[in-house]
C-alpha atoms as a PDB file:
ATOM      1  CA  THR A   1    -104.777  38.994  26.697  1.00  0.00           C
ATOM      2  CA  ALA A   2    -101.861  39.086  29.102  1.00  0.00           C
ATOM      3  CA  THR A   3    -103.053  35.886  30.748  1.00  0.00           C
ATOM      4  CA  ASP A   4    -103.098  34.059  27.358  1.00  0.00           C
ATOM      5  CA  ILE A   5     -99.613  35.293  26.477  1.00  0.00           C
ATOM      6  CA  ARG A   6     -98.328  34.366  29.950  1.00  0.00           C
ATOM      7  CA  ASP A   7     -99.783  30.834  29.657  1.00  0.00           C
ATOM      8  CA  GLN A   8     -98.372  30.320  26.170  1.00  0.00           C
ATOM      9  CA  ILE A   9     -94.905  31.419  27.319  1.00  0.00           C
ATOM     10  CA  ARG A  10     -95.089  29.196  30.383  1.00  0.00           C
ATOM     11  CA  ASN A  11     -96.099  26.144  28.350  1.00  0.00           C
ATOM     12  CA  VAL A  12     -93.233  26.636  25.818  1.00  0.00           C
ATOM     13  CA  ILE A  13     -90.670  27.202  28.563  1.00  0.00           C
ATOM     14  CA  ASN A  14     -91.945  24.241  30.615  1.00  0.00           C
ATOM     15  CA  ILE A  15     -91.516  21.907  27.636  1.00  0.00           C
ATOM     16  CA  ALA A  16     -88.137  23.305  26.666  1.00  0.00           C
ATOM     17  CA  LEU A  17     -86.695  23.194  30.204  1.00  0.00           C
ATOM     18  CA  GLY A  18     -88.029  19.841  31.281  1.00  0.00           C
ATOM     19  CA  PHE A  19     -84.734  18.164  30.383  1.00  0.00           C
ATOM     20  CA  LEU A  20     -82.955  20.377  32.921  1.00  0.00           C
ATOM     21  CA  GLY A  21     -85.066  19.039  35.735  1.00  0.00           C
ATOM     22  CA  VAL A  22     -87.108  22.224  35.984  1.00  0.00           C
ATOM     23  CA  ALA A  23     -90.548  21.172  37.197  1.00  0.00           C
ATOM     24  CA  GLY A  24     -92.281  24.325  36.152  1.00  0.00           C
ATOM     25  CA  VAL A  25     -92.140  28.043  35.587  1.00  0.00           C
ATOM     26  CA  ILE A  26     -94.133  30.810  37.261  1.00  0.00           C
ATOM     27  CA  VAL A  27     -94.694  33.548  34.711  1.00  0.00           C
ATOM     28  CA  THR A  28     -95.887  36.952  36.012  1.00  0.00           C
ATOM     29  CA  ILE A  29     -96.521  40.122  34.075  1.00  0.00           C
ATOM     30  CA  TYR A  30     -95.985  43.045  36.429  1.00  0.00           C
ATOM     31  CA  GLY A  31     -95.504  46.695  35.488  1.00  0.00           C
ATOM     32  CA  GLY A  32     -95.234  45.833  31.819  1.00  0.00           C
ATOM     33  CA  ALA A  33     -92.341  43.469  32.444  1.00  0.00           C
ATOM     34  CA  LEU A  34     -92.293  39.676  32.194  1.00  0.00           C
ATOM     35  CA  TRP A  35     -90.918  37.966  35.329  1.00  0.00           C
ATOM     36  CA  MET A  36     -90.191  34.244  35.373  1.00  0.00           C
ATOM     37  CA  THR A  37     -89.242  31.950  38.253  1.00  0.00           C
ATOM     38  CA  ALA A  38     -88.286  28.332  37.651  1.00  0.00           C
ATOM     39  CA  PHE A  39     -88.816  25.688  40.261  1.00  0.00           C
ATOM     40  CA  GLY A  40     -87.961  22.068  40.491  1.00  0.00           C
ATOM     41  CA  ASP A  41     -85.736  19.501  42.153  1.00  0.00           C
ATOM     42  CA  ASP A  42     -82.808  21.625  43.493  1.00  0.00           C
ATOM     43  CA  GLU A  43     -80.492  18.673  43.148  1.00  0.00           C
ATOM     44  CA  LYS A  44     -81.171  18.583  39.408  1.00  0.00           C
ATOM     45  CA  VAL A  45     -81.369  22.338  38.845  1.00  0.00           C
ATOM     46  CA  GLU A  46     -77.971  23.805  39.510  1.00  0.00           C
ATOM     47  CA  LYS A  47     -77.591  27.348  40.711  1.00  0.00           C
ATOM     48  CA  GLY A  48     -77.644  29.622  37.712  1.00  0.00           C
ATOM     49  CA  LYS A  49     -79.663  27.318  35.478  1.00  0.00           C
ATOM     50  CA  LYS A  50     -82.875  28.968  36.593  1.00  0.00           C
ATOM     51  CA  THR A  51     -81.789  32.126  34.809  1.00  0.00           C
ATOM     52  CA  ILE A  52     -81.489  30.274  31.536  1.00  0.00           C
ATOM     53  CA  ILE A  53     -85.056  31.249  30.732  1.00  0.00           C
ATOM     54  CA  ALA A  54     -84.372  35.008  30.789  1.00  0.00           C
ATOM     55  CA  GLY A  55     -81.039  34.427  29.126  1.00  0.00           C
ATOM     56  CA  ALA A  56     -82.621  32.519  26.244  1.00  0.00           C
ATOM     57  CA  ILE A  57     -85.215  35.257  25.717  1.00  0.00           C
ATOM     58  CA  GLY A  58     -82.531  37.946  25.920  1.00  0.00           C
ATOM     59  CA  LEU A  59     -80.365  36.056  23.425  1.00  0.00           C
ATOM     60  CA  GLY A  60     -83.198  35.800  20.990  1.00  0.00           C
ATOM     61  CA  ALA A  61     -83.843  39.528  21.225  1.00  0.00           C
ATOM     62  CA  ALA A  62     -80.179  40.287  20.772  1.00  0.00           C
ATOM     63  CA  VAL A  63     -79.953  38.087  17.673  1.00  0.00           C
ATOM     64  CA  LYS A  64     -82.914  39.832  16.111  1.00  0.00           C
ATOM     65  CA  TYR A  65     -81.374  43.241  16.892  1.00  0.00           C
ATOM     66  CA  LEU A  66     -78.036  42.265  15.354  1.00  0.00           C
ATOM     67  CA  GLU A  67     -79.663  40.734  12.257  1.00  0.00           C
ATOM     68  CA  LYS A  68     -81.654  43.958  11.774  1.00  0.00           C
ATOM     69  CA  ILE A  69     -78.459  46.009  11.716  1.00  0.00           C
ATOM     70  CA  GLY A  70     -76.594  43.391   9.635  1.00  0.00           C
ATOM     71  CA  MET A  71     -73.590  41.382  10.789  1.00  0.00           C
ATOM     72  CA  ASP A  72     -71.536  42.527   7.761  1.00  0.00           C
ATOM     73  CA  LYS A  73     -72.109  46.176   8.716  1.00  0.00           C
ATOM     74  CA  ILE A  74     -71.151  45.411  12.361  1.00  0.00           C
ATOM     75  CA  ARG A  75     -67.972  43.623  11.310  1.00  0.00           C
ATOM     76  CA  GLU A  76     -67.015  46.460   8.905  1.00  0.00           C
ATOM     77  CA  HIS A  77     -67.480  49.006  11.739  1.00  0.00           C
ATOM     78  CA  GLU A  78     -65.492  46.817  14.122  1.00  0.00           C
ATOM     79  CA  LYS A  79     -62.614  46.552  11.624  1.00  0.00           C
ATOM     80  CA  GLU A  80     -62.562  50.341  11.111  1.00  0.00           C
ATOM     81  CA  LEU A  81     -62.279  50.822  14.905  1.00  0.00           C
ATOM     82  CA  LEU A  82     -59.563  48.105  15.108  1.00  0.00           C
ATOM     83  CA  VAL A  83     -57.441  49.695  12.374  1.00  0.00           C
ATOM     84  CA  PHE A  84     -57.759  53.105  14.058  1.00  0.00           C
ATOM     85  CA  ALA A  85     -57.081  51.682  17.532  1.00  0.00           C
ATOM     86  CA  MET A  86     -54.047  49.661  16.402  1.00  0.00           C
ATOM     87  CA  LYS A  87     -52.577  52.753  14.738  1.00  0.00           C
ATOM     88  CA  GLU A  88     -53.132  54.907  17.776  1.00  0.00           C
ATOM     89  CA  LEU A  89     -51.997  52.335  20.322  1.00  0.00           C
ATOM     90  CA  ALA A  90     -48.720  51.873  18.386  1.00  0.00           C
ATOM     91  CA  LYS A  91     -47.883  55.510  19.294  1.00  0.00           C
ATOM     92  CA  ILE A  92     -47.841  54.755  23.057  1.00  0.00           C
ATOM     93  CA  PRO A  93     -44.329  54.104  24.400  1.00  0.00           C
ATOM     94  CA  GLY A  94     -43.910  50.653  25.919  1.00  0.00           C
ATOM     95  CA  LEU A  95     -47.283  49.361  24.757  1.00  0.00           C
ATOM     96  CA  LEU A  96     -47.243  45.950  23.030  1.00  0.00           C
ATOM     97  CA  VAL A  97     -50.329  44.583  21.342  1.00  0.00           C
ATOM     98  CA  ILE A  98     -50.720  40.835  21.752  1.00  0.00           C
ATOM     99  CA  GLY A  99     -51.836  38.911  18.690  1.00  0.00           C
ATOM    100  CA  PRO A 100     -51.908  39.612  14.974  1.00  0.00           C
ATOM    101  CA  GLN A 101     -51.650  43.198  13.708  1.00  0.00           C
ATOM    102  CA  ASP A 102     -53.916  42.480  10.723  1.00  0.00           C
ATOM    103  CA  SER A 103     -57.515  43.554  11.450  1.00  0.00           C
ATOM    104  CA  GLU A 104     -58.770  40.753   9.180  1.00  0.00           C
ATOM    105  CA  LYS A 105     -57.323  38.262  11.730  1.00  0.00           C
ATOM    106  CA  ARG A 106     -58.807  39.961  14.772  1.00  0.00           C
ATOM    107  CA  SER A 107     -62.199  40.415  16.316  1.00  0.00           C
ATOM    108  CA  GLY A 108     -63.195  43.585  18.184  1.00  0.00           C
ATOM    109  CA  VAL A 109     -60.752  42.823  20.970  1.00  0.00           C
ATOM    110  CA  VAL A 110     -57.210  44.194  21.570  1.00  0.00           C
ATOM    111  CA  SER A 111     -55.175  42.624  24.349  1.00  0.00           C
ATOM    112  CA  PHE A 112     -51.977  44.462  25.348  1.00  0.00           C
ATOM    113  CA  ILE A 113     -49.309  45.027  27.916  1.00  0.00           C
ATOM    114  CA  VAL A 114     -47.439  48.186  28.813  1.00  0.00           C
ATOM    115  CA  LYS A 115     -43.796  47.726  29.953  1.00  0.00           C
ATOM    116  CA  GLY A 116     -43.387  48.561  33.622  1.00  0.00           C
ATOM    117  CA  ILE A 117     -47.111  48.890  34.377  1.00  0.00           C
ATOM    118  CA  HIS A 118     -49.093  45.986  35.747  1.00  0.00           C
ATOM    119  CA  PRO A 119     -52.425  45.364  33.964  1.00  0.00           C
ATOM    120  CA  HIS A 120     -54.331  45.738  37.202  1.00  0.00           C
ATOM    121  CA  ASP A 121     -52.876  49.276  37.622  1.00  0.00           C
ATOM    122  CA  ILE A 122     -53.956  50.028  34.040  1.00  0.00           C
ATOM    123  CA  GLY A 123     -57.423  48.747  34.750  1.00  0.00           C
ATOM    124  CA  SER A 124     -57.738  50.781  37.954  1.00  0.00           C
ATOM    125  CA  PHE A 125     -56.424  53.974  36.300  1.00  0.00           C
ATOM    126  CA  LEU A 126     -58.769  53.629  33.327  1.00  0.00           C
ATOM    127  CA  ASP A 127     -61.659  52.996  35.665  1.00  0.00           C
ATOM    128  CA  GLU A 128     -60.928  56.288  37.403  1.00  0.00           C
ATOM    129  CA  GLU A 129     -61.057  57.889  33.855  1.00  0.00           C
ATOM    130  CA  GLY A 130     -64.504  56.324  33.300  1.00  0.00           C
ATOM    131  CA  ILE A 131     -63.195  53.621  30.955  1.00  0.00           C
ATOM    132  CA  MET A 132     -64.004  50.011  31.415  1.00  0.00           C
ATOM    133  CA  ILE A 133     -61.518  47.337  30.300  1.00  0.00           C
ATOM    134  CA  ARG A 134     -60.701  43.800  31.342  1.00  0.00           C
ATOM    135  CA  VAL A 135     -57.471  42.749  32.972  1.00  0.00           C
ATOM    136  CA  GLY A 136     -56.154  39.376  33.938  1.00  0.00           C
ATOM    137  CA  ASP A 137     -55.420  36.145  32.036  1.00  0.00           C
ATOM    138  CA  HIS A 138     -58.771  36.260  30.137  1.00  0.00           C
ATOM    139  CA  CYS A 139     -59.173  32.464  30.375  1.00  0.00           C
ATOM    140  CA  ALA A 140     -55.898  32.160  28.380  1.00  0.00           C
ATOM    141  CA  LYS A 141     -53.519  31.173  31.157  1.00  0.00           C
ATOM    142  CA  PRO A 142     -51.409  28.830  28.923  1.00  0.00           C
ATOM    143  CA  LEU A 143     -50.915  31.684  26.435  1.00  0.00           C
ATOM    144  CA  HIS A 144     -49.936  34.091  29.166  1.00  0.00           C
ATOM    145  CA  LYS A 145     -47.522  31.495  30.530  1.00  0.00           C
ATOM    146  CA  LYS A 146     -45.990  30.983  27.038  1.00  0.00           C
ATOM    147  CA  LEU A 147     -45.660  34.743  26.598  1.00  0.00           C
ATOM    148  CA  LYS A 148     -44.071  34.920  30.084  1.00  0.00           C
ATOM    149  CA  ILE A 149     -46.539  37.530  31.283  1.00  0.00           C
ATOM    150  CA  ALA A 150     -48.737  37.311  34.396  1.00  0.00           C
ATOM    151  CA  ALA A 151     -51.702  39.170  32.940  1.00  0.00           C
ATOM    152  CA  SER A 152     -52.726  41.533  30.133  1.00  0.00           C
ATOM    153  CA  SER A 153     -55.202  44.344  29.553  1.00  0.00           C
ATOM    154  CA  ARG A 154     -58.020  44.002  27.051  1.00  0.00           C
ATOM    155  CA  ILE A 155     -60.159  46.601  25.321  1.00  0.00           C
ATOM    156  CA  SER A 156     -63.192  45.604  23.269  1.00  0.00           C
ATOM    157  CA  PHE A 157     -65.050  47.430  20.514  1.00  0.00           C
ATOM    158  CA  SER A 158     -68.433  46.760  18.961  1.00  0.00           C
ATOM    159  CA  LEU A 159     -71.229  48.528  17.164  1.00  0.00           C
ATOM    160  CA  TYR A 160     -71.904  50.871  20.022  1.00  0.00           C
ATOM    161  CA  ASN A 161     -68.342  52.321  20.087  1.00  0.00           C
ATOM    162  CA  ASP A 162     -66.864  55.002  17.850  1.00  0.00           C
ATOM    163  CA  THR A 163     -63.479  56.650  17.239  1.00  0.00           C
ATOM    164  CA  GLU A 164     -64.026  58.994  20.141  1.00  0.00           C
ATOM    165  CA  ASP A 165     -64.065  55.986  22.480  1.00  0.00           C
ATOM    166  CA  VAL A 166     -60.714  54.851  21.046  1.00  0.00           C
ATOM    167  CA  GLU A 167     -59.291  58.369  21.440  1.00  0.00           C
ATOM    168  CA  ARG A 168     -60.371  58.422  25.123  1.00  0.00           C
ATOM    169  CA  VAL A 169     -58.641  55.150  25.766  1.00  0.00           C
ATOM    170  CA  VAL A 170     -55.449  56.250  24.042  1.00  0.00           C
ATOM    171  CA  LYS A 171     -55.433  59.646  25.813  1.00  0.00           C
ATOM    172  CA  ALA A 172     -55.824  57.918  29.188  1.00  0.00           C
ATOM    173  CA  LEU A 173     -53.122  55.364  28.427  1.00  0.00           C
ATOM    174  CA  LYS A 174     -50.685  58.104  27.396  1.00  0.00           C
ATOM    175  CA  LYS A 175     -51.475  59.971  30.669  1.00  0.00           C
ATOM    176  CA  LEU A 176     -50.852  56.709  32.615  1.00  0.00           C
ATOM    177  CA  VAL A 177     -47.468  56.043  30.878  1.00  0.00           C
ATOM    178  CA  LYS A 178     -46.429  59.621  31.577  1.00  0.00           C
ATOM    179  CA  LEU A 179     -47.395  59.269  35.221  1.00  0.00           C
ATOM    180  CA  PHE A 180     -45.419  56.039  35.557  1.00  0.00           C
ATOM    181  CA  SER A 181     -42.365  57.305  33.689  1.00  0.00           C
ATOM    182  CA  GLY A 182     -41.628  60.102  36.050  1.00  0.00           C
END
């Protein structure tokens, strides 16, 4: 029954989170969804740690999903997109990819700068085109300092992307470069 499942989940979570200072967990099944609220000594339970429960469950589901697809297949797809993206990005005037050009030495992430265009302008423009990227120092401030750049733009690819996504990014970046060049 739902009550048995809820109690079993609560018991496992209570044992697992005891070391965080969480005194207990209220588990509620409402509308087919599982809701959990942790309670305990607020001095021991930092803000954000209460969400570790849902995060742990979500992580477990994500791992099962990725294992079902196969990490080798995901990596192969990622590399195909990287090769295509690197080839297409190289055609954009003033765009410099940061990092190795070899897809074997990259993950599904491409950081870049475009001469004369601040990364925040790139991010805002692409956002208006319906494309999400990251801009800033990406927790790599020492690298940005060494490269003598304030920030960079970053696009990421994974199993849910395809070549059409790459083409949309490239088309938008070409449009932006044209806009900035006159």
